[in-house]
Amino acid sequence: MRNRMNKHWKMCLRCILVLALTLICFGRGATTVYATTGIVDAVTQEEEESESATSNDSDDSDEEDTSNLISIGIAAGDGSDLASVLEMLLVLTVISLAPSILIMLTSFTRIVIVLHFVRTAMGTQTVPPNQVLTSLALFLTFFIMMPTFTTIYNDAIVPLQEETITVEEAWDAGVKPLREFMIKQTPDSDIKTFVDLAQLENVEDYDDIPLLVLIPSFMISELRSAFIMGFLIYLPFIIIDMVVASTLMSMGMMMLAPTVISLPFKILLFVMVDGWNLVVTNLVSTFY
């Protein structure tokens, strides 16, 4: 029992010593903190006084040396600066609207839809891939629209850069070739439909048709032409599917999918007749 009591007393004494040491350490730390805060306050006061003195000196020196400052201004010039700014804004606007312009005002819509019909009719799911078809449609669009783009560049962009015409005149000169292209590709029935929907009166000539009416008319006609060409492309491949399906049914191979057998024959037929050449040639010739 005595040994146990001695052990308990020793543990209590150790705990008391540890607490005393910690209190002493915290007390010294607090005094040092108070001392350091007082020193920091004194140093900050000295720094504030020195900064106020230097600021007063700098204000006096600024008042004395105002003649040495650099002044920056904007000059309007003789009008060339304004023309360059408007030209830059026009270029940025065209760049931001380039995808919409490419889809709405050119032959891109018809070409890309027909190419997708070719791939779907053959039954190849991702061959050619979308990137290849889009790139081919893009280059064919530039090939078809090159005369129109050349006319726009010569009649609108070059005179605007030479400052021989205004921005409004450049707009009218640039829109005119696109209007002629769209009017040539759009039947009168589509134009009449949108003229009636817009409730326009006194439309006696194609020049009286606004772009808000001409652009949707052109897009509708492009979709119609693309779907007609897609139907004609589908016909030979549908015949191959029907022949293969009837042959498999007569042979009792009902569990075998007809598309598995017809796909090689479709590819063989397309290669033998030089299908890509026929499709591209007839597709481009529809715009002339």
Protein backbone atom coordinates (compact mmCIF):
# COMPACT_ATOMS: atom_id res chain seq x y z
CA MET A 1 0.00 0.00 0.00
CA ARG A 2 2.78 2.40 0.92
CA ASN A 3 4.49 1.81 -2.41
CA ARG A 4 1.26 2.60 -4.24
CA MET A 5 0.77 5.80 -2.23
CA ASN A 6 4.32 6.87 -2.98
CA LYS A 7 3.75 6.34 -6.69
CA HIS A 8 0.56 8.43 -6.63
CA TRP A 9 2.31 11.27 -4.77
CA LYS A 10 5.18 11.20 -7.25
CA MET A 11 2.71 11.44 -10.17
CA CYS A 12 0.92 14.36 -8.51
CA LEU A 13 4.19 16.20 -7.94
CA ARG A 14 5.19 15.69 -11.54
CA CYS A 15 1.88 17.11 -12.77
CA ILE A 16 2.21 20.13 -10.48
CA LEU A 17 5.74 20.81 -11.78
CA VAL A 18 4.58 20.56 -15.41
CA LEU A 19 1.73 23.02 -14.78
CA ALA A 20 4.06 25.45 -13.05
CA LEU A 21 6.55 25.36 -15.89
CA THR A 22 3.84 25.98 -18.48
CA LEU A 23 2.46 28.95 -16.52
CA ILE A 24 5.92 30.44 -16.26
CA CYS A 25 6.50 30.03 -20.01
CA PHE A 26 3.15 31.62 -20.89
CA GLY A 27 3.84 34.51 -18.54
CA ARG A 28 7.19 35.23 -20.18
CA GLY A 29 5.64 34.94 -23.64
CA ALA A 30 2.94 37.45 -22.74
CA THR A 31 5.49 39.93 -21.42
CA THR A 32 7.56 39.57 -24.55
CA VAL A 33 4.45 40.03 -26.68
CA TYR A 34 3.53 43.21 -24.82
CA ALA A 35 7.07 44.45 -25.19
CA THR A 36 7.24 43.72 -28.88
CA THR A 37 3.86 45.36 -29.53
CA GLY A 38 5.08 48.52 -27.84
CA ILE A 39 8.22 48.53 -29.96
CA VAL A 40 6.19 47.95 -33.15
CA ASP A 41 3.87 50.86 -32.31
CA ALA A 42 6.82 53.15 -31.83
CA VAL A 43 8.38 52.06 -35.10
CA THR A 44 5.11 52.55 -37.04
CA GLN A 45 4.71 56.04 -35.60
CA GLU A 46 8.21 56.92 -36.75
CA GLU A 47 7.50 55.50 -40.21
CA GLU A 48 4.26 57.47 -40.52
CA GLU A 49 6.04 60.68 -39.59
CA SER A 50 8.79 60.02 -42.15
CA GLU A 51 6.24 59.17 -44.86
CA SER A 52 4.28 62.36 -44.23
CA ALA A 53 7.48 64.35 -44.50
CA THR A 54 8.48 62.67 -47.74
CA SER A 55 4.97 63.15 -49.18
CA ASN A 56 5.15 66.85 -48.46
CA ASP A 57 8.53 67.02 -50.15
CA SER A 58 7.24 65.08 -53.16
CA ASP A 59 4.21 67.38 -53.50
CA ASP A 60 6.50 70.37 -53.54
CA SER A 61 8.75 68.75 -56.14
CA ASP A 62 5.72 67.78 -58.29
CA GLU A 63 4.48 71.35 -58.25
CA GLU A 64 7.90 72.51 -59.33
CA ASP A 65 8.39 69.90 -62.12
CA THR A 66 4.94 69.86 -63.74
CA SER A 67 6.49 70.99 -66.96
CA ASN A 68 8.39 67.69 -67.29
CA LEU A 69 5.30 65.45 -67.22
CA ILE A 70 4.22 63.45 -70.30
CA SER A 71 0.72 64.19 -71.62
CA ILE A 72 -1.24 61.60 -73.63
CA GLY A 73 -4.03 62.62 -76.00
CA ILE A 74 -6.14 61.26 -78.86
CA ALA A 75 -6.16 63.09 -82.15
CA ALA A 76 -8.84 62.54 -84.78
CA GLY A 77 -6.51 63.38 -87.64
CA ASP A 78 -7.77 63.92 -91.15
CA GLY A 79 -10.36 61.09 -91.07
CA SER A 80 -8.05 58.16 -91.83
CA ASP A 81 -8.08 57.06 -88.18
CA LEU A 82 -11.86 56.84 -88.20
CA ALA A 83 -11.85 54.85 -91.43
CA SER A 84 -9.32 52.38 -90.02
CA VAL A 85 -11.36 51.95 -86.83
CA LEU A 86 -14.54 51.29 -88.82
CA GLU A 87 -12.67 48.87 -91.05
CA MET A 88 -11.40 46.98 -87.99
CA LEU A 89 -14.90 46.80 -86.54
CA LEU A 90 -16.23 45.52 -89.86
CA VAL A 91 -13.55 42.81 -90.00
CA LEU A 92 -14.26 41.69 -86.42
CA THR A 93 -17.99 41.57 -87.14
CA VAL A 94 -17.46 39.44 -90.24
CA ILE A 95 -15.16 37.08 -88.33
CA SER A 96 -17.70 36.62 -85.51
CA LEU A 97 -20.54 35.99 -87.96
CA ALA A 98 -18.51 33.85 -90.38
CA PRO A 99 -20.14 30.49 -89.47
CA SER A 100 -23.65 31.92 -89.84
CA ILE A 101 -22.75 33.64 -93.10
CA LEU A 102 -21.21 30.42 -94.41
CA ILE A 103 -24.37 28.46 -93.65
CA MET A 104 -26.98 31.03 -94.67
CA LEU A 105 -25.57 32.77 -97.73
CA THR A 106 -23.51 30.15 -99.57
CA SER A 107 -23.82 26.68 -101.08
CA PHE A 108 -22.51 24.99 -97.93
CA THR A 109 -25.94 23.82 -96.72
CA ARG A 110 -26.81 21.85 -99.86
CA ILE A 111 -23.35 20.31 -100.18
CA VAL A 112 -22.97 19.08 -96.62
CA ILE A 113 -26.50 17.59 -96.52
CA VAL A 114 -25.98 15.70 -99.79
CA LEU A 115 -22.66 14.30 -98.58
CA HIS A 116 -24.28 13.07 -95.38
CA PHE A 117 -27.04 11.43 -97.45
CA VAL A 118 -24.36 9.57 -99.42
CA ARG A 119 -22.80 8.20 -96.26
CA THR A 120 -26.15 7.21 -94.77
CA ALA A 121 -27.35 5.51 -97.97
CA MET A 122 -24.21 3.40 -98.16
CA GLY A 123 -24.70 2.25 -94.58
CA THR A 124 -21.23 3.19 -93.34
CA GLN A 125 -21.80 4.70 -89.93
CA THR A 126 -18.72 6.88 -89.44
CA VAL A 127 -16.86 6.46 -92.74
CA PRO A 128 -16.07 9.05 -94.00
CA PRO A 129 -15.99 10.86 -90.63
CA ASN A 130 -17.75 14.16 -90.06
CA GLN A 131 -14.49 16.13 -90.23
CA VAL A 132 -13.76 14.82 -93.72
CA LEU A 133 -17.26 15.54 -95.02
CA THR A 134 -17.27 19.04 -93.51
CA SER A 135 -13.84 19.82 -94.93
CA LEU A 136 -14.88 18.59 -98.39
CA ALA A 137 -18.08 20.64 -98.22
CA LEU A 138 -16.08 23.70 -97.14
CA PHE A 139 -13.62 23.48 -100.04
CA LEU A 140 -16.40 22.83 -102.53
CA THR A 141 -18.19 25.89 -101.15
CA PHE A 142 -15.12 28.06 -101.74
CA PHE A 143 -14.77 26.59 -105.22
CA ILE A 144 -18.37 27.43 -106.09
CA MET A 145 -18.44 30.82 -104.39
CA MET A 146 -15.05 32.01 -105.64
CA PRO A 147 -16.48 34.25 -108.43
CA THR A 148 -18.86 35.85 -105.94
CA PHE A 149 -16.13 36.37 -103.35
CA THR A 150 -13.83 37.86 -106.01
CA THR A 151 -16.53 40.33 -107.02
CA ILE A 152 -17.10 41.33 -103.39
CA TYR A 153 -13.38 41.85 -102.86
CA ASN A 154 -12.92 43.96 -105.99
CA ASP A 155 -16.10 46.03 -105.65
CA ALA A 156 -16.34 46.52 -101.88
CA ILE A 157 -13.20 45.70 -99.90
CA VAL A 158 -10.55 47.23 -102.15
CA PRO A 159 -12.37 50.60 -102.61
CA LEU A 160 -13.02 50.74 -98.85
CA GLN A 161 -9.34 50.21 -98.11
CA GLU A 162 -8.45 52.92 -100.62
CA GLU A 163 -11.07 55.19 -98.98
CA THR A 164 -12.79 55.89 -102.28
CA ILE A 165 -16.21 54.78 -100.97
CA THR A 166 -17.98 54.96 -97.63
CA VAL A 167 -18.95 52.07 -95.40
CA GLU A 168 -22.58 52.20 -96.58
CA GLU A 169 -21.51 52.07 -100.21
CA ALA A 170 -19.15 49.18 -99.44
CA TRP A 171 -22.02 47.30 -97.76
CA ASP A 172 -24.29 47.76 -100.77
CA ALA A 173 -21.54 46.72 -103.19
CA GLY A 174 -20.68 43.65 -101.10
CA VAL A 175 -24.25 42.46 -100.63
CA LYS A 176 -25.16 42.78 -104.31
CA PRO A 177 -23.20 39.69 -105.57
CA LEU A 178 -24.61 37.58 -102.73
CA ARG A 179 -28.13 38.71 -103.59
CA GLU A 180 -27.61 37.76 -107.21
CA PHE A 181 -26.33 34.31 -106.22
CA MET A 182 -29.23 33.65 -103.83
CA ILE A 183 -31.86 34.90 -106.28
CA LYS A 184 -30.43 32.65 -108.99
CA GLN A 185 -30.70 29.58 -106.74
CA THR A 186 -34.09 30.38 -105.20
CA PRO A 187 -37.35 29.68 -107.04
CA ASP A 188 -40.00 32.35 -107.16
CA SER A 189 -42.44 30.26 -105.16
CA ASP A 190 -40.24 30.33 -102.06
CA ILE A 191 -39.64 34.06 -102.39
CA LYS A 192 -43.38 34.67 -102.80
CA THR A 193 -44.10 32.60 -99.68
CA PHE A 194 -41.90 34.72 -97.46
CA VAL A 195 -43.01 37.96 -99.10
CA ASP A 196 -46.59 37.03 -98.20
CA LEU A 197 -45.57 36.06 -94.67
CA ALA A 198 -43.79 39.41 -94.24
CA GLN A 199 -46.85 41.20 -95.69
CA LEU A 200 -44.74 43.25 -98.05
CA GLU A 201 -46.39 45.36 -100.71
CA ASN A 202 -45.15 47.03 -103.88
CA VAL A 203 -42.53 44.34 -104.55
CA GLU A 204 -42.10 44.65 -108.29
CA ASP A 205 -38.46 43.66 -108.75
CA TYR A 206 -35.88 41.46 -107.08
CA ASP A 207 -34.09 44.58 -105.83
CA ASP A 208 -37.13 45.40 -103.69
CA ILE A 209 -36.80 42.15 -101.74
CA PRO A 210 -35.04 42.71 -98.38
CA LEU A 211 -32.43 40.32 -97.07
CA LEU A 212 -34.70 39.28 -94.20
CA VAL A 213 -37.00 37.74 -96.82
CA LEU A 214 -34.40 36.54 -99.30
CA ILE A 215 -32.18 34.63 -96.85
CA PRO A 216 -34.86 32.25 -95.43
CA SER A 217 -36.22 31.73 -98.96
CA PHE A 218 -32.76 30.71 -100.12
CA MET A 219 -32.25 28.36 -97.17
CA ILE A 220 -35.59 26.63 -97.73
CA SER A 221 -34.79 26.11 -101.40
CA GLU A 222 -31.35 24.72 -100.50
CA LEU A 223 -32.92 22.21 -98.11
CA ARG A 224 -35.42 21.12 -100.76
CA SER A 225 -32.73 20.65 -103.40
CA ALA A 226 -30.52 18.71 -100.98
CA PHE A 227 -33.35 16.32 -100.01
CA ILE A 228 -34.29 15.71 -103.65
CA MET A 229 -30.69 14.79 -104.44
CA GLY A 230 -30.55 12.62 -101.34
CA PHE A 231 -33.63 10.69 -102.47
CA LEU A 232 -32.07 10.03 -105.87
CA ILE A 233 -28.86 8.86 -104.21
CA TYR A 234 -30.79 6.45 -101.97
CA LEU A 235 -32.55 4.61 -104.80
CA PRO A 236 -29.73 2.31 -106.06
CA PHE A 237 -28.69 1.39 -102.54
CA ILE A 238 -32.28 0.57 -101.58
CA ILE A 239 -32.48 -1.78 -104.57
CA ILE A 240 -29.34 -3.57 -103.39
CA ASP A 241 -30.82 -3.93 -99.88
CA MET A 242 -34.05 -5.37 -101.28
CA VAL A 243 -32.24 -7.87 -103.53
CA VAL A 244 -30.00 -9.05 -100.70
CA ALA A 245 -32.90 -9.30 -98.23
CA SER A 246 -35.07 -11.33 -100.65
CA THR A 247 -32.15 -13.63 -101.46
CA LEU A 248 -31.48 -14.33 -97.79
CA MET A 249 -35.17 -14.97 -97.14
CA SER A 250 -35.35 -17.45 -100.04
CA MET A 251 -32.27 -19.26 -98.70
CA GLY A 252 -33.74 -19.46 -95.21
CA MET A 253 -31.06 -17.28 -93.64
CA MET A 254 -33.50 -15.15 -91.68
CA MET A 255 -31.15 -14.75 -88.71
CA LEU A 256 -28.48 -13.10 -90.84
CA ALA A 257 -28.81 -9.31 -91.05
CA PRO A 258 -29.17 -8.14 -94.68
CA THR A 259 -27.02 -5.04 -94.02
CA VAL A 260 -24.01 -7.23 -93.25
CA ILE A 261 -24.17 -8.76 -96.74
CA SER A 262 -25.35 -5.68 -98.65
CA LEU A 263 -22.66 -3.31 -97.34
CA PRO A 264 -19.78 -4.84 -99.38
CA PHE A 265 -21.94 -4.79 -102.51
CA LYS A 266 -22.83 -1.14 -101.93
CA ILE A 267 -19.19 -0.18 -101.55
CA LEU A 268 -18.28 -2.22 -104.64
CA LEU A 269 -21.00 -0.55 -106.72
CA PHE A 270 -20.01 2.93 -105.49
CA VAL A 271 -16.34 2.34 -106.33
CA MET A 272 -17.05 0.79 -109.74
CA VAL A 273 -19.14 3.73 -110.93
CA ASP A 274 -16.70 6.25 -109.42
CA GLY A 275 -19.34 7.48 -107.04
CA TRP A 276 -17.49 10.41 -105.45
CA ASN A 277 -16.72 11.86 -108.86
CA LEU A 278 -20.35 11.53 -109.94
CA VAL A 279 -21.73 13.01 -106.73
CA VAL A 280 -19.35 15.99 -106.64
CA THR A 281 -19.67 16.70 -110.38
CA ASN A 282 -23.47 16.69 -110.36
CA LEU A 283 -23.61 18.55 -107.07
CA VAL A 284 -21.39 21.39 -108.30
CA SER A 285 -23.16 21.55 -111.66
CA THR A 286 -26.48 22.32 -109.92
CA PHE A 287 -25.12 25.78 -109.02
CA TYR A 288 -24.29 26.79 -112.61
